[in-house]
Full PDB file with SEQRES, HELIX, SHEET, SSBOND, CRYST1, ORIGX, SCALE, CONECT and MASTER records, all heavy atoms in Angstrom:
SEQRES   1 A   33  TRP LEU LEU ALA ARG ASP ALA TYR HIS VAL GLY LEU SER          
SEQRES   2 A   33  GLY VAL ILE TYR ALA LEU TRP SER TYR LEU LEU ILE TYR          
SEQRES   3 A   33  GLY VAL MET ARG ARG SER VAL                                  
HELIX    1 AA1 SER A   13  ARG A   30  1                                  18    
CRYST1    1.000    1.000    1.000  90.00  90.00  90.00 P 1           1          
ORIGX1      1.000000  0.000000  0.000000        0.00000                         
ORIGX2      0.000000  1.000000  0.000000        0.00000                         
ORIGX3      0.000000  0.000000  1.000000        0.00000                         
SCALE1      1.000000  0.000000  0.000000        0.00000                         
SCALE2      0.000000  1.000000  0.000000        0.00000                         
SCALE3      0.000000  0.000000  1.000000        0.00000                         
ATOM      1  N   TRP A   1       0.826  -1.210   0.000  1.00  0.00           N  
ATOM      2  CA  TRP A   1       0.000   0.000   0.000  1.00  0.00           C  
ATOM      3  C   TRP A   1       0.862   1.263   0.000  1.00  0.00           C  
ATOM      4  O   TRP A   1       0.555   2.239  -0.676  1.00  0.00           O  
ATOM      5  CB  TRP A   1      -0.945  -0.004   1.204  1.00  0.00           C  
ATOM      6  CG  TRP A   1      -1.897   1.142   1.204  1.00  0.00           C  
ATOM      7  CD1 TRP A   1      -3.065   1.242   0.489  1.00  0.00           C  
ATOM      8  CD2 TRP A   1      -1.758   2.371   1.907  1.00  0.00           C  
ATOM      9  NE1 TRP A   1      -3.662   2.461   0.725  1.00  0.00           N  
ATOM     10  CE2 TRP A   1      -2.877   3.176   1.588  1.00  0.00           C  
ATOM     11  CE3 TRP A   1      -0.804   2.874   2.779  1.00  0.00           C  
ATOM     12  CZ2 TRP A   1      -3.064   4.446   2.121  1.00  0.00           C  
ATOM     13  CZ3 TRP A   1      -0.993   4.141   3.309  1.00  0.00           C  
ATOM     14  CH2 TRP A   1      -2.111   4.916   2.973  1.00  0.00           C  
ATOM     15  N   LEU A   2       1.940   1.246   0.740  1.00  0.00           N  
ATOM     16  CA  LEU A   2       2.800   2.429   0.846  1.00  0.00           C  
ATOM     17  C   LEU A   2       3.707   2.642  -0.371  1.00  0.00           C  
ATOM     18  O   LEU A   2       3.930   3.770  -0.791  1.00  0.00           O  
ATOM     19  CB  LEU A   2       3.703   2.316   2.084  1.00  0.00           C  
ATOM     20  CG  LEU A   2       3.066   2.617   3.416  1.00  0.00           C  
ATOM     21  CD1 LEU A   2       4.006   2.230   4.555  1.00  0.00           C  
ATOM     22  CD2 LEU A   2       2.703   4.094   3.511  1.00  0.00           C  
ATOM     23  N   LEU A   3       4.220   1.552  -0.954  1.00  0.00           N  
ATOM     24  CA  LEU A   3       5.344   1.688  -1.881  1.00  0.00           C  
ATOM     25  C   LEU A   3       5.143   1.150  -3.302  1.00  0.00           C  
ATOM     26  O   LEU A   3       5.989   1.408  -4.158  1.00  0.00           O  
ATOM     27  CB  LEU A   3       6.581   0.997  -1.273  1.00  0.00           C  
ATOM     28  CG  LEU A   3       7.019   1.542   0.088  1.00  0.00           C  
ATOM     29  CD1 LEU A   3       8.039   0.613   0.730  1.00  0.00           C  
ATOM     30  CD2 LEU A   3       7.557   2.952  -0.052  1.00  0.00           C  
ATOM     31  N   ALA A   4       4.080   0.427  -3.548  1.00  0.00           N  
ATOM     32  CA  ALA A   4       3.921  -0.214  -4.855  1.00  0.00           C  
ATOM     33  C   ALA A   4       3.399   0.766  -5.911  1.00  0.00           C  
ATOM     34  O   ALA A   4       2.943   1.866  -5.603  1.00  0.00           O  
ATOM     35  CB  ALA A   4       2.979  -1.407  -4.743  1.00  0.00           C  
ATOM     36  N   ARG A   5       3.458   0.329  -7.143  1.00  0.00           N  
ATOM     37  CA  ARG A   5       2.948   1.150  -8.259  1.00  0.00           C  
ATOM     38  C   ARG A   5       1.431   1.215  -8.206  1.00  0.00           C  
ATOM     39  O   ARG A   5       0.773   0.380  -7.592  1.00  0.00           O  
ATOM     40  CB  ARG A   5       3.428   0.585  -9.590  1.00  0.00           C  
ATOM     41  CG  ARG A   5       2.891  -0.779  -9.892  1.00  0.00           C  
ATOM     42  CD  ARG A   5       3.658  -1.435 -11.031  1.00  0.00           C  
ATOM     43  NE  ARG A   5       3.826  -2.830 -10.694  1.00  0.00           N  
ATOM     44  CZ  ARG A   5       3.511  -3.835 -11.475  1.00  0.00           C  
ATOM     45  NH1 ARG A   5       3.078  -3.613 -12.694  1.00  0.00           N  
ATOM     46  NH2 ARG A   5       3.662  -5.063 -11.076  1.00  0.00           N  
ATOM     47  N   ASP A   6       0.887   2.223  -8.867  1.00  0.00           N  
ATOM     48  CA  ASP A   6      -0.562   2.433  -8.883  1.00  0.00           C  
ATOM     49  C   ASP A   6      -1.249   1.389  -9.752  1.00  0.00           C  
ATOM     50  O   ASP A   6      -1.209   1.461 -10.981  1.00  0.00           O  
ATOM     51  CB  ASP A   6      -0.893   3.843  -9.391  1.00  0.00           C  
ATOM     52  CG  ASP A   6      -0.498   4.914  -8.397  1.00  0.00           C  
ATOM     53  OD1 ASP A   6      -0.366   4.594  -7.206  1.00  0.00           O  
ATOM     54  OD2 ASP A   6      -0.317   6.071  -8.809  1.00  0.00           O  
ATOM     55  N   ALA A   7      -1.851   0.440  -9.096  1.00  0.00           N  
ATOM     56  CA  ALA A   7      -2.625  -0.628  -9.742  1.00  0.00           C  
ATOM     57  C   ALA A   7      -3.263  -1.423  -8.609  1.00  0.00           C  
ATOM     58  O   ALA A   7      -2.833  -1.324  -7.454  1.00  0.00           O  
ATOM     59  CB  ALA A   7      -1.728  -1.532 -10.576  1.00  0.00           C  
ATOM     60  N   TYR A   8      -4.279  -2.195  -8.918  1.00  0.00           N  
ATOM     61  CA  TYR A   8      -4.859  -3.069  -7.908  1.00  0.00           C  
ATOM     62  C   TYR A   8      -3.973  -4.299  -7.763  1.00  0.00           C  
ATOM     63  O   TYR A   8      -3.692  -4.986  -8.737  1.00  0.00           O  
ATOM     64  CB  TYR A   8      -6.283  -3.481  -8.280  1.00  0.00           C  
ATOM     65  CG  TYR A   8      -7.281  -2.385  -8.031  1.00  0.00           C  
ATOM     66  CD1 TYR A   8      -7.766  -1.616  -9.076  1.00  0.00           C  
ATOM     67  CD2 TYR A   8      -7.717  -2.107  -6.742  1.00  0.00           C  
ATOM     68  CE1 TYR A   8      -8.675  -0.591  -8.847  1.00  0.00           C  
ATOM     69  CE2 TYR A   8      -8.631  -1.088  -6.499  1.00  0.00           C  
ATOM     70  CZ  TYR A   8      -9.093  -0.337  -7.554  1.00  0.00           C  
ATOM     71  OH  TYR A   8      -9.993   0.677  -7.308  1.00  0.00           O  
ATOM     72  N   HIS A   9      -3.530  -4.562  -6.550  1.00  0.00           N  
ATOM     73  CA  HIS A   9      -2.692  -5.716  -6.244  1.00  0.00           C  
ATOM     74  C   HIS A   9      -3.563  -6.734  -5.518  1.00  0.00           C  
ATOM     75  O   HIS A   9      -4.084  -6.442  -4.433  1.00  0.00           O  
ATOM     76  CB  HIS A   9      -1.506  -5.294  -5.367  1.00  0.00           C  
ATOM     77  CG  HIS A   9      -0.610  -4.305  -6.032  1.00  0.00           C  
ATOM     78  ND1 HIS A   9       0.575  -4.673  -6.637  1.00  0.00           N  
ATOM     79  CD2 HIS A   9      -0.729  -2.963  -6.212  1.00  0.00           C  
ATOM     80  CE1 HIS A   9       1.154  -3.596  -7.140  1.00  0.00           C  
ATOM     81  NE2 HIS A   9       0.380  -2.544  -6.902  1.00  0.00           N  
ATOM     82  N   VAL A  10      -3.745  -7.899  -6.127  1.00  0.00           N  
ATOM     83  CA  VAL A  10      -4.600  -8.932  -5.548  1.00  0.00           C  
ATOM     84  C   VAL A  10      -3.839 -10.251  -5.477  1.00  0.00           C  
ATOM     85  O   VAL A  10      -2.873 -10.466  -6.198  1.00  0.00           O  
ATOM     86  CB  VAL A  10      -5.901  -9.132  -6.367  1.00  0.00           C  
ATOM     87  CG1 VAL A  10      -6.750  -7.876  -6.355  1.00  0.00           C  
ATOM     88  CG2 VAL A  10      -5.610  -9.583  -7.783  1.00  0.00           C  
ATOM     89  N   GLY A  11      -4.308 -11.119  -4.605  1.00  0.00           N  
ATOM     90  CA  GLY A  11      -3.767 -12.466  -4.516  1.00  0.00           C  
ATOM     91  C   GLY A  11      -2.993 -12.707  -3.238  1.00  0.00           C  
ATOM     92  O   GLY A  11      -2.668 -11.794  -2.489  1.00  0.00           O  
ATOM     93  N   LEU A  12      -2.685 -13.948  -3.035  1.00  0.00           N  
ATOM     94  CA  LEU A  12      -2.042 -14.449  -1.827  1.00  0.00           C  
ATOM     95  C   LEU A  12      -0.526 -14.503  -1.956  1.00  0.00           C  
ATOM     96  O   LEU A  12       0.168 -14.860  -1.014  1.00  0.00           O  
ATOM     97  CB  LEU A  12      -2.607 -15.852  -1.547  1.00  0.00           C  
ATOM     98  CG  LEU A  12      -2.398 -16.538  -0.234  1.00  0.00           C  
ATOM     99  CD1 LEU A  12      -2.870 -15.679   0.930  1.00  0.00           C  
ATOM    100  CD2 LEU A  12      -3.129 -17.870  -0.216  1.00  0.00           C  
ATOM    101  N   SER A  13       0.010 -14.118  -3.099  1.00  0.00           N  
ATOM    102  CA  SER A  13       1.430 -14.342  -3.343  1.00  0.00           C  
ATOM    103  C   SER A  13       2.355 -13.562  -2.420  1.00  0.00           C  
ATOM    104  O   SER A  13       3.442 -14.035  -2.089  1.00  0.00           O  
ATOM    105  CB  SER A  13       1.791 -14.082  -4.809  1.00  0.00           C  
ATOM    106  OG  SER A  13       1.473 -12.763  -5.168  1.00  0.00           O  
ATOM    107  N   GLY A  14       1.980 -12.382  -1.956  1.00  0.00           N  
ATOM    108  CA  GLY A  14       2.826 -11.664  -1.007  1.00  0.00           C  
ATOM    109  C   GLY A  14       2.993 -12.448   0.284  1.00  0.00           C  
ATOM    110  O   GLY A  14       4.096 -12.548   0.839  1.00  0.00           O  
ATOM    111  N   VAL A  15       1.904 -13.033   0.760  1.00  0.00           N  
ATOM    112  CA  VAL A  15       1.951 -13.867   1.961  1.00  0.00           C  
ATOM    113  C   VAL A  15       2.762 -15.124   1.684  1.00  0.00           C  
ATOM    114  O   VAL A  15       3.569 -15.558   2.523  1.00  0.00           O  
ATOM    115  CB  VAL A  15       0.524 -14.216   2.439  1.00  0.00           C  
ATOM    116  CG1 VAL A  15       0.554 -15.187   3.603  1.00  0.00           C  
ATOM    117  CG2 VAL A  15      -0.238 -12.951   2.803  1.00  0.00           C  
ATOM    118  N   ILE A  16       2.595 -15.699   0.508  1.00  0.00           N  
ATOM    119  CA  ILE A  16       3.353 -16.897   0.132  1.00  0.00           C  
ATOM    120  C   ILE A  16       4.844 -16.605   0.143  1.00  0.00           C  
ATOM    121  O   ILE A  16       5.646 -17.389   0.665  1.00  0.00           O  
ATOM    122  CB  ILE A  16       2.890 -17.409  -1.254  1.00  0.00           C  
ATOM    123  CG1 ILE A  16       1.480 -17.978  -1.138  1.00  0.00           C  
ATOM    124  CG2 ILE A  16       3.865 -18.432  -1.822  1.00  0.00           C  
ATOM    125  CD1 ILE A  16       0.785 -18.206  -2.463  1.00  0.00           C  
ATOM    126  N   TYR A  17       5.232 -15.487  -0.425  1.00  0.00           N  
ATOM    127  CA  TYR A  17       6.646 -15.120  -0.429  1.00  0.00           C  
ATOM    128  C   TYR A  17       7.162 -14.889   0.990  1.00  0.00           C  
ATOM    129  O   TYR A  17       8.329 -15.186   1.292  1.00  0.00           O  
ATOM    130  CB  TYR A  17       6.895 -13.895  -1.306  1.00  0.00           C  
ATOM    131  CG  TYR A  17       7.231 -14.282  -2.723  1.00  0.00           C  
ATOM    132  CD1 TYR A  17       6.238 -14.634  -3.624  1.00  0.00           C  
ATOM    133  CD2 TYR A  17       8.550 -14.332  -3.153  1.00  0.00           C  
ATOM    134  CE1 TYR A  17       6.540 -15.006  -4.916  1.00  0.00           C  
ATOM    135  CE2 TYR A  17       8.868 -14.697  -4.443  1.00  0.00           C  
ATOM    136  CZ  TYR A  17       7.862 -15.043  -5.324  1.00  0.00           C  
ATOM    137  OH  TYR A  17       8.179 -15.430  -6.605  1.00  0.00           O  
ATOM    138  N   ALA A  18       6.327 -14.375   1.865  1.00  0.00           N  
ATOM    139  CA  ALA A  18       6.734 -14.190   3.260  1.00  0.00           C  
ATOM    140  C   ALA A  18       6.977 -15.547   3.929  1.00  0.00           C  
ATOM    141  O   ALA A  18       7.991 -15.732   4.616  1.00  0.00           O  
ATOM    142  CB  ALA A  18       5.684 -13.386   4.019  1.00  0.00           C  
ATOM    143  N   LEU A  19       6.077 -16.497   3.725  1.00  0.00           N  
ATOM    144  CA  LEU A  19       6.258 -17.826   4.311  1.00  0.00           C  
ATOM    145  C   LEU A  19       7.498 -18.507   3.736  1.00  0.00           C  
ATOM    146  O   LEU A  19       8.284 -19.138   4.455  1.00  0.00           O  
ATOM    147  CB  LEU A  19       5.022 -18.697   4.069  1.00  0.00           C  
ATOM    148  CG  LEU A  19       3.687 -18.199   4.622  1.00  0.00           C  
ATOM    149  CD1 LEU A  19       2.584 -19.219   4.367  1.00  0.00           C  
ATOM    150  CD2 LEU A  19       3.774 -17.852   6.087  1.00  0.00           C  
ATOM    151  N   TRP A  20       7.673 -18.365   2.432  1.00  0.00           N  
ATOM    152  CA  TRP A  20       8.823 -18.949   1.722  1.00  0.00           C  
ATOM    153  C   TRP A  20      10.136 -18.426   2.294  1.00  0.00           C  
ATOM    154  O   TRP A  20      11.016 -19.203   2.667  1.00  0.00           O  
ATOM    155  CB  TRP A  20       8.676 -18.622   0.235  1.00  0.00           C  
ATOM    156  CG  TRP A  20       9.841 -18.921  -0.625  1.00  0.00           C  
ATOM    157  CD1 TRP A  20      10.238 -20.153  -1.088  1.00  0.00           C  
ATOM    158  CD2 TRP A  20      10.772 -17.984  -1.177  1.00  0.00           C  
ATOM    159  NE1 TRP A  20      11.346 -20.020  -1.886  1.00  0.00           N  
ATOM    160  CE2 TRP A  20      11.692 -18.698  -1.953  1.00  0.00           C  
ATOM    161  CE3 TRP A  20      10.905 -16.600  -1.082  1.00  0.00           C  
ATOM    162  CZ2 TRP A  20      12.732 -18.082  -2.640  1.00  0.00           C  
ATOM    163  CZ3 TRP A  20      11.933 -15.983  -1.766  1.00  0.00           C  
ATOM    164  CH2 TRP A  20      12.843 -16.721  -2.529  1.00  0.00           C  
ATOM    165  N   SER A  21      10.269 -17.106   2.380  1.00  0.00           N  
ATOM    166  CA  SER A  21      11.537 -16.553   2.849  1.00  0.00           C  
ATOM    167  C   SER A  21      11.727 -16.794   4.346  1.00  0.00           C  
ATOM    168  O   SER A  21      12.847 -16.992   4.810  1.00  0.00           O  
ATOM    169  CB  SER A  21      11.668 -15.074   2.508  1.00  0.00           C  
ATOM    170  OG  SER A  21      10.735 -14.301   3.212  1.00  0.00           O  
ATOM    171  N   TYR A  22      10.632 -16.802   5.098  1.00  0.00           N  
ATOM    172  CA  TYR A  22      10.734 -17.137   6.517  1.00  0.00           C  
ATOM    173  C   TYR A  22      11.362 -18.519   6.678  1.00  0.00           C  
ATOM    174  O   TYR A  22      12.308 -18.700   7.448  1.00  0.00           O  
ATOM    175  CB  TYR A  22       9.351 -17.113   7.184  1.00  0.00           C  
ATOM    176  CG  TYR A  22       9.408 -17.586   8.621  1.00  0.00           C  
ATOM    177  CD1 TYR A  22       9.607 -16.678   9.647  1.00  0.00           C  
ATOM    178  CD2 TYR A  22       9.303 -18.935   8.944  1.00  0.00           C  
ATOM    179  CE1 TYR A  22       9.696 -17.103  10.973  1.00  0.00           C  
ATOM    180  CE2 TYR A  22       9.402 -19.375  10.252  1.00  0.00           C  
ATOM    181  CZ  TYR A  22       9.599 -18.465  11.251  1.00  0.00           C  
ATOM    182  OH  TYR A  22       9.706 -18.898  12.558  1.00  0.00           O  
ATOM    183  N   LEU A  23      10.826 -19.500   5.973  1.00  0.00           N  
ATOM    184  CA  LEU A  23      11.314 -20.874   6.106  1.00  0.00           C  
ATOM    185  C   LEU A  23      12.769 -21.009   5.666  1.00  0.00           C  
ATOM    186  O   LEU A  23      13.559 -21.715   6.297  1.00  0.00           O  
ATOM    187  CB  LEU A  23      10.421 -21.832   5.319  1.00  0.00           C  
ATOM    188  CG  LEU A  23       9.029 -22.039   5.912  1.00  0.00           C  
ATOM    189  CD1 LEU A  23       8.103 -22.690   4.899  1.00  0.00           C  
ATOM    190  CD2 LEU A  23       9.100 -22.844   7.202  1.00  0.00           C  
ATOM    191  N   LEU A  24      13.133 -20.332   4.592  1.00  0.00           N  
ATOM    192  CA  LEU A  24      14.522 -20.390   4.120  1.00  0.00           C  
ATOM    193  C   LEU A  24      15.476 -19.760   5.132  1.00  0.00           C  
ATOM    194  O   LEU A  24      16.484 -20.369   5.518  1.00  0.00           O  
ATOM    195  CB  LEU A  24      14.658 -19.683   2.772  1.00  0.00           C  
ATOM    196  CG  LEU A  24      14.109 -20.411   1.567  1.00  0.00           C  
ATOM    197  CD1 LEU A  24      14.186 -19.519   0.327  1.00  0.00           C  
ATOM    198  CD2 LEU A  24      14.860 -21.713   1.322  1.00  0.00           C  
ATOM    199  N   ILE A  25      15.191 -18.546   5.546  1.00  0.00           N  
ATOM    200  CA  ILE A  25      16.084 -17.822   6.451  1.00  0.00           C  
ATOM    201  C   ILE A  25      16.109 -18.476   7.837  1.00  0.00           C  
ATOM    202  O   ILE A  25      17.173 -18.623   8.444  1.00  0.00           O  
ATOM    203  CB  ILE A  25      15.680 -16.333   6.556  1.00  0.00           C  
ATOM    204  CG1 ILE A  25      15.778 -15.653   5.192  1.00  0.00           C  
ATOM    205  CG2 ILE A  25      16.517 -15.606   7.606  1.00  0.00           C  
ATOM    206  CD1 ILE A  25      17.148 -15.671   4.561  1.00  0.00           C  
ATOM    207  N   TYR A  26      14.959 -18.884   8.309  1.00  0.00           N  
ATOM    208  CA  TYR A  26      14.899 -19.530   9.620  1.00  0.00           C  
ATOM    209  C   TYR A  26      15.792 -20.771   9.640  1.00  0.00           C  
ATOM    210  O   TYR A  26      16.562 -20.977  10.570  1.00  0.00           O  
ATOM    211  CB  TYR A  26      13.457 -19.898   9.981  1.00  0.00           C  
ATOM    212  CG  TYR A  26      13.336 -20.517  11.355  1.00  0.00           C  
ATOM    213  CD1 TYR A  26      13.253 -19.704  12.475  1.00  0.00           C  
ATOM    214  CD2 TYR A  26      13.332 -21.893  11.536  1.00  0.00           C  
ATOM    215  CE1 TYR A  26      13.168 -20.250  13.751  1.00  0.00           C  
ATOM    216  CE2 TYR A  26      13.248 -22.453  12.795  1.00  0.00           C  
ATOM    217  CZ  TYR A  26      13.173 -21.636  13.892  1.00  0.00           C  
ATOM    218  OH  TYR A  26      13.101 -22.184  15.151  1.00  0.00           O  
ATOM    219  N   GLY A  27      15.690 -21.596   8.627  1.00  0.00           N  
ATOM    220  CA  GLY A  27      16.488 -22.828   8.590  1.00  0.00           C  
ATOM    221  C   GLY A  27      17.979 -22.566   8.533  1.00  0.00           C  
ATOM    222  O   GLY A  27      18.765 -23.217   9.233  1.00  0.00           O  
ATOM    223  N   VAL A  28      18.374 -21.604   7.727  1.00  0.00           N  
ATOM    224  CA  VAL A  28      19.791 -21.274   7.600  1.00  0.00           C  
ATOM    225  C   VAL A  28      20.330 -20.705   8.916  1.00  0.00           C  
ATOM    226  O   VAL A  28      21.437 -21.045   9.350  1.00  0.00           O  
ATOM    227  CB  VAL A  28      20.006 -20.264   6.441  1.00  0.00           C  
ATOM    228  CG1 VAL A  28      21.410 -19.700   6.459  1.00  0.00           C  
ATOM    229  CG2 VAL A  28      19.712 -20.938   5.108  1.00  0.00           C  
ATOM    230  N   MET A  29      19.556 -19.856   9.545  1.00  0.00           N  
ATOM    231  CA  MET A  29      20.011 -19.200  10.777  1.00  0.00           C  
ATOM    232  C   MET A  29      19.873 -20.101  12.012  1.00  0.00           C  
ATOM    233  O   MET A  29      20.740 -20.107  12.868  1.00  0.00           O  
ATOM    234  CB  MET A  29      19.213 -17.909  11.008  1.00  0.00           C  
ATOM    235  CG  MET A  29      19.389 -16.857   9.944  1.00  0.00           C  
ATOM    236  SD  MET A  29      21.073 -16.249   9.814  1.00  0.00           S  
ATOM    237  CE  MET A  29      21.272 -15.490  11.404  1.00  0.00           C  
ATOM    238  N   ARG A  30      18.811 -20.865  12.095  1.00  0.00           N  
ATOM    239  CA  ARG A  30      18.550 -21.687  13.281  1.00  0.00           C  
ATOM    240  C   ARG A  30      19.460 -22.901  13.322  1.00  0.00           C  
ATOM    241  O   ARG A  30      19.931 -23.305  14.358  1.00  0.00           O  
ATOM    242  CB  ARG A  30      17.073 -22.109  13.290  1.00  0.00           C  
ATOM    243  CG  ARG A  30      16.684 -23.050  14.402  1.00  0.00           C  
ATOM    244  CD  ARG A  30      16.782 -22.365  15.761  1.00  0.00           C  
ATOM    245  NE  ARG A  30      16.317 -23.234  16.808  1.00  0.00           N  
ATOM    246  CZ  ARG A  30      17.091 -24.065  17.500  1.00  0.00           C  
ATOM    247  NH1 ARG A  30      18.372 -24.132  17.253  1.00  0.00           N  
ATOM    248  NH2 ARG A  30      16.585 -24.830  18.445  1.00  0.00           N  
ATOM    249  N   ARG A  31      19.666 -23.515  12.197  1.00  0.00           N  
ATOM    250  CA  ARG A  31      20.585 -24.647  12.020  1.00  0.00           C  
ATOM    251  C   ARG A  31      20.237 -25.882  12.835  1.00  0.00           C  
ATOM    252  O   ARG A  31      21.114 -26.647  13.206  1.00  0.00           O  
ATOM    253  CB  ARG A  31      22.023 -24.222  12.286  1.00  0.00           C  
ATOM    254  CG  ARG A  31      22.503 -23.225  11.279  1.00  0.00           C  
ATOM    255  CD  ARG A  31      23.966 -23.018  11.357  1.00  0.00           C  
ATOM    256  NE  ARG A  31      24.339 -22.042  10.345  1.00  0.00           N  
ATOM    257  CZ  ARG A  31      25.329 -21.218  10.455  1.00  0.00           C  
ATOM    258  NH1 ARG A  31      26.093 -21.247  11.520  1.00  0.00           N  
ATOM    259  NH2 ARG A  31      25.596 -20.373   9.507  1.00  0.00           N  
ATOM    260  N   SER A  32      18.965 -26.088  13.098  1.00  0.00           N  
ATOM    261  CA  SER A  32      18.556 -27.369  13.675  1.00  0.00           C  
ATOM    262  C   SER A  32      18.348 -28.327  12.507  1.00  0.00           C  
ATOM    263  O   SER A  32      18.174 -27.900  11.362  1.00  0.00           O  
ATOM    264  CB  SER A  32      17.262 -27.223  14.477  1.00  0.00           C  
ATOM    265  OG  SER A  32      16.157 -26.991  13.625  1.00  0.00           O  
ATOM    266  N   VAL A  33      18.361 -29.602  12.778  1.00  0.00           N  
ATOM    267  CA  VAL A  33      18.200 -30.592  11.711  1.00  0.00           C  
ATOM    268  C   VAL A  33      16.866 -30.379  11.003  1.00  0.00           C  
ATOM    269  O   VAL A  33      16.800 -30.348   9.768  1.00  0.00           O  
ATOM    270  CB  VAL A  33      18.317 -32.032  12.267  1.00  0.00           C  
ATOM    271  CG1 VAL A  33      17.967 -33.053  11.196  1.00  0.00           C  
ATOM    272  CG2 VAL A  33      19.713 -32.277  12.811  1.00  0.00           C  
TER     273      VAL A  33                                                      
MASTER        0    0    0    1    0    0    0    6  272    1    0    3          
END                                                                             
């Protein structure tokens, strides 16, 4: 809402990318099996 270009942004993909990067970064940083 604050920073994107002027257009309607719809869909779940922003949340999907958040879950994706969370899982990647968490695993690399946490280093549990």
